[in-house]
Amino acid sequence: NIKAFNALHHASLKGQAIAVDKILDGHKSLVNAKMPQGFTALHIAAVNNHTDCAKLLIEKGNADVDSKNLDCITPLMLAAREGHLECLQLLIEKSK
């Protein structure tokens, strides 16, 4: 669509962990796809506090935890900024 969301971005935005899981089954290559602003599905899950989605993206999809958007912001930084402690803890544990 206009915002360049793919199906995985959309499922991560909405917190639809079951959809994230199913998308990863058939389209794992989408996991690190970036929107024009550089956001990945993991950025979107982190900023919206969708820890279940973030965990799937990392553990099943092998998402790049340290991916930076165009402003050099990582998913961990977004979770910290928003005060999403559970998601932040997951990202700290999985960060390289």
C-alpha atoms as a PDB file:
ATOM      1  CA  ASN A   1       0.000   0.000   0.000  1.00  0.00           C
ATOM      2  CA  ILE A   2       0.960   3.680   0.112  1.00  0.00           C
ATOM      3  CA  LYS A   3       2.958   3.348   3.325  1.00  0.00           C
ATOM      4  CA  ALA A   4       4.855   0.343   1.902  1.00  0.00           C
ATOM      5  CA  PHE A   5       3.590  -1.984   4.619  1.00  0.00           C
ATOM      6  CA  ASN A   6       3.944  -5.642   3.798  1.00  0.00           C
ATOM      7  CA  ALA A   7       1.778  -8.311   5.450  1.00  0.00           C
ATOM      8  CA  LEU A   8       4.327  -8.881   8.211  1.00  0.00           C
ATOM      9  CA  HIS A   9       4.524  -5.153   9.004  1.00  0.00           C
ATOM     10  CA  HIS A  10       0.727  -5.022   9.242  1.00  0.00           C
ATOM     11  CA  ALA A  11       0.434  -8.100  11.480  1.00  0.00           C
ATOM     12  CA  SER A  12       3.174  -6.712  13.748  1.00  0.00           C
ATOM     13  CA  LEU A  13       1.406  -3.347  13.947  1.00  0.00           C
ATOM     14  CA  LYS A  14      -1.861  -4.987  14.969  1.00  0.00           C
ATOM     15  CA  GLY A  15      -0.227  -7.426  17.426  1.00  0.00           C
ATOM     16  CA  GLN A  16      -1.503 -10.441  15.524  1.00  0.00           C
ATOM     17  CA  ALA A  17       1.000 -13.075  16.664  1.00  0.00           C
ATOM     18  CA  ILE A  18      -0.851 -15.931  14.935  1.00  0.00           C
ATOM     19  CA  ALA A  19      -0.686 -14.056  11.628  1.00  0.00           C
ATOM     20  CA  VAL A  20       3.014 -13.258  12.177  1.00  0.00           C
ATOM     21  CA  ASP A  21       3.655 -16.960  12.771  1.00  0.00           C
ATOM     22  CA  LYS A  22       1.809 -18.015   9.610  1.00  0.00           C
ATOM     23  CA  ILE A  23       3.458 -15.331   7.468  1.00  0.00           C
ATOM     24  CA  LEU A  24       6.892 -16.441   8.669  1.00  0.00           C
ATOM     25  CA  ASP A  25       6.021 -20.023   7.634  1.00  0.00           C
ATOM     26  CA  GLY A  26       5.722 -19.022   4.000  1.00  0.00           C
ATOM     27  CA  HIS A  27       7.503 -15.699   3.651  1.00  0.00           C
ATOM     28  CA  LYS A  28      10.471 -15.619   6.024  1.00  0.00           C
ATOM     29  CA  SER A  29      12.257 -13.292   3.592  1.00  0.00           C
ATOM     30  CA  LEU A  30       9.927 -10.477   4.714  1.00  0.00           C
ATOM     31  CA  VAL A  31      11.316 -10.473   8.258  1.00  0.00           C
ATOM     32  CA  ASN A  32      13.971  -7.797   7.691  1.00  0.00           C
ATOM     33  CA  ALA A  33      12.191  -5.941   4.875  1.00  0.00           C
ATOM     34  CA  LYS A  34      12.257  -2.213   5.511  1.00  0.00           C
ATOM     35  CA  MET A  35       9.672   0.453   4.886  1.00  0.00           C
ATOM     36  CA  PRO A  36      10.919   3.657   3.198  1.00  0.00           C
ATOM     37  CA  GLN A  37      11.697   5.125   6.651  1.00  0.00           C
ATOM     38  CA  GLY A  38      13.777   2.038   7.472  1.00  0.00           C
ATOM     39  CA  PHE A  39      11.351   0.414   9.891  1.00  0.00           C
ATOM     40  CA  THR A  40      11.210  -3.385  10.003  1.00  0.00           C
ATOM     41  CA  ALA A  41       8.414  -5.518  11.436  1.00  0.00           C
ATOM     42  CA  LEU A  42      10.471  -5.755  14.642  1.00  0.00           C
ATOM     43  CA  HIS A  43      10.627  -1.952  14.948  1.00  0.00           C
ATOM     44  CA  ILE A  44       6.843  -1.873  14.574  1.00  0.00           C
ATOM     45  CA  ALA A  45       6.260  -4.632  17.136  1.00  0.00           C
ATOM     46  CA  ALA A  46       8.646  -2.968  19.607  1.00  0.00           C
ATOM     47  CA  VAL A  47       7.153   0.524  19.418  1.00  0.00           C
ATOM     48  CA  ASN A  48       3.647  -0.930  19.861  1.00  0.00           C
ATOM     49  CA  ASN A  49       4.601  -3.257  22.750  1.00  0.00           C
ATOM     50  CA  HIS A  50       3.690  -6.448  20.906  1.00  0.00           C
ATOM     51  CA  THR A  51       6.195  -8.685  22.684  1.00  0.00           C
ATOM     52  CA  ASP A  52       4.683 -11.941  21.380  1.00  0.00           C
ATOM     53  CA  CYS A  53       5.147 -10.727  17.816  1.00  0.00           C
ATOM     54  CA  ALA A  54       8.675  -9.510  18.540  1.00  0.00           C
ATOM     55  CA  LYS A  55       9.609 -12.882  20.025  1.00  0.00           C
ATOM     56  CA  LEU A  56       8.319 -14.717  16.957  1.00  0.00           C
ATOM     57  CA  LEU A  57      10.120 -12.344  14.605  1.00  0.00           C
ATOM     58  CA  ILE A  58      13.392 -12.914  16.463  1.00  0.00           C
ATOM     59  CA  GLU A  59      13.191 -16.612  17.300  1.00  0.00           C
ATOM     60  CA  LYS A  60      11.345 -17.977  14.282  1.00  0.00           C
ATOM     61  CA  GLY A  61      12.198 -15.352  11.691  1.00  0.00           C
ATOM     62  CA  ASN A  62      15.749 -14.570  12.809  1.00  0.00           C
ATOM     63  CA  ALA A  63      14.960 -10.843  12.697  1.00  0.00           C
ATOM     64  CA  ASP A  64      17.908  -8.467  12.949  1.00  0.00           C
ATOM     65  CA  VAL A  65      17.534  -7.155  16.504  1.00  0.00           C
ATOM     66  CA  ASP A  66      20.074  -4.404  15.859  1.00  0.00           C
ATOM     67  CA  SER A  67      18.515  -3.126  12.622  1.00  0.00           C
ATOM     68  CA  LYS A  68      18.477   0.672  12.389  1.00  0.00           C
ATOM     69  CA  ASN A  69      15.917   2.848  10.668  1.00  0.00           C
ATOM     70  CA  LEU A  70      16.911   5.962   8.707  1.00  0.00           C
ATOM     71  CA  ASP A  71      17.337   7.862  11.990  1.00  0.00           C
ATOM     72  CA  CYS A  72      19.681   5.130  13.323  1.00  0.00           C
ATOM     73  CA  ILE A  73      17.023   3.971  15.814  1.00  0.00           C
ATOM     74  CA  THR A  74      16.865   0.282  16.747  1.00  0.00           C
ATOM     75  CA  PRO A  75      13.817  -1.652  17.974  1.00  0.00           C
ATOM     76  CA  LEU A  76      15.417  -1.722  21.442  1.00  0.00           C
ATOM     77  CA  MET A  77      15.643   2.078  21.478  1.00  0.00           C
ATOM     78  CA  LEU A  78      11.974   2.360  20.513  1.00  0.00           C
ATOM     79  CA  ALA A  79      10.860  -0.035  23.260  1.00  0.00           C
ATOM     80  CA  ALA A  80      12.967   1.880  25.808  1.00  0.00           C
ATOM     81  CA  ARG A  81      11.632   5.264  24.679  1.00  0.00           C
ATOM     82  CA  GLU A  82       8.045   4.055  25.014  1.00  0.00           C
ATOM     83  CA  GLY A  83       8.642   2.343  28.377  1.00  0.00           C
ATOM     84  CA  HIS A  84       7.687  -1.107  27.099  1.00  0.00           C
ATOM     85  CA  LEU A  85       9.626  -3.086  29.705  1.00  0.00           C
ATOM     86  CA  GLU A  86       8.732  -6.647  28.683  1.00  0.00           C
ATOM     87  CA  CYS A  87       9.589  -5.997  25.062  1.00  0.00           C
ATOM     88  CA  LEU A  88      12.721  -4.101  26.113  1.00  0.00           C
ATOM     89  CA  GLN A  89      13.896  -7.047  28.217  1.00  0.00           C
ATOM     90  CA  LEU A  90      13.397  -9.432  25.288  1.00  0.00           C
ATOM     91  CA  LEU A  91      15.370  -7.164  22.965  1.00  0.00           C
ATOM     92  CA  ILE A  92      18.204  -6.763  25.480  1.00  0.00           C
ATOM     93  CA  GLU A  93      18.430 -10.546  25.865  1.00  0.00           C
ATOM     94  CA  LYS A  94      18.460 -11.102  22.102  1.00  0.00           C
ATOM     95  CA  SER A  95      20.703  -8.173  21.136  1.00  0.00           C
ATOM     96  CA  LYS A  96      24.127  -9.095  19.769  1.00  0.00           C
END
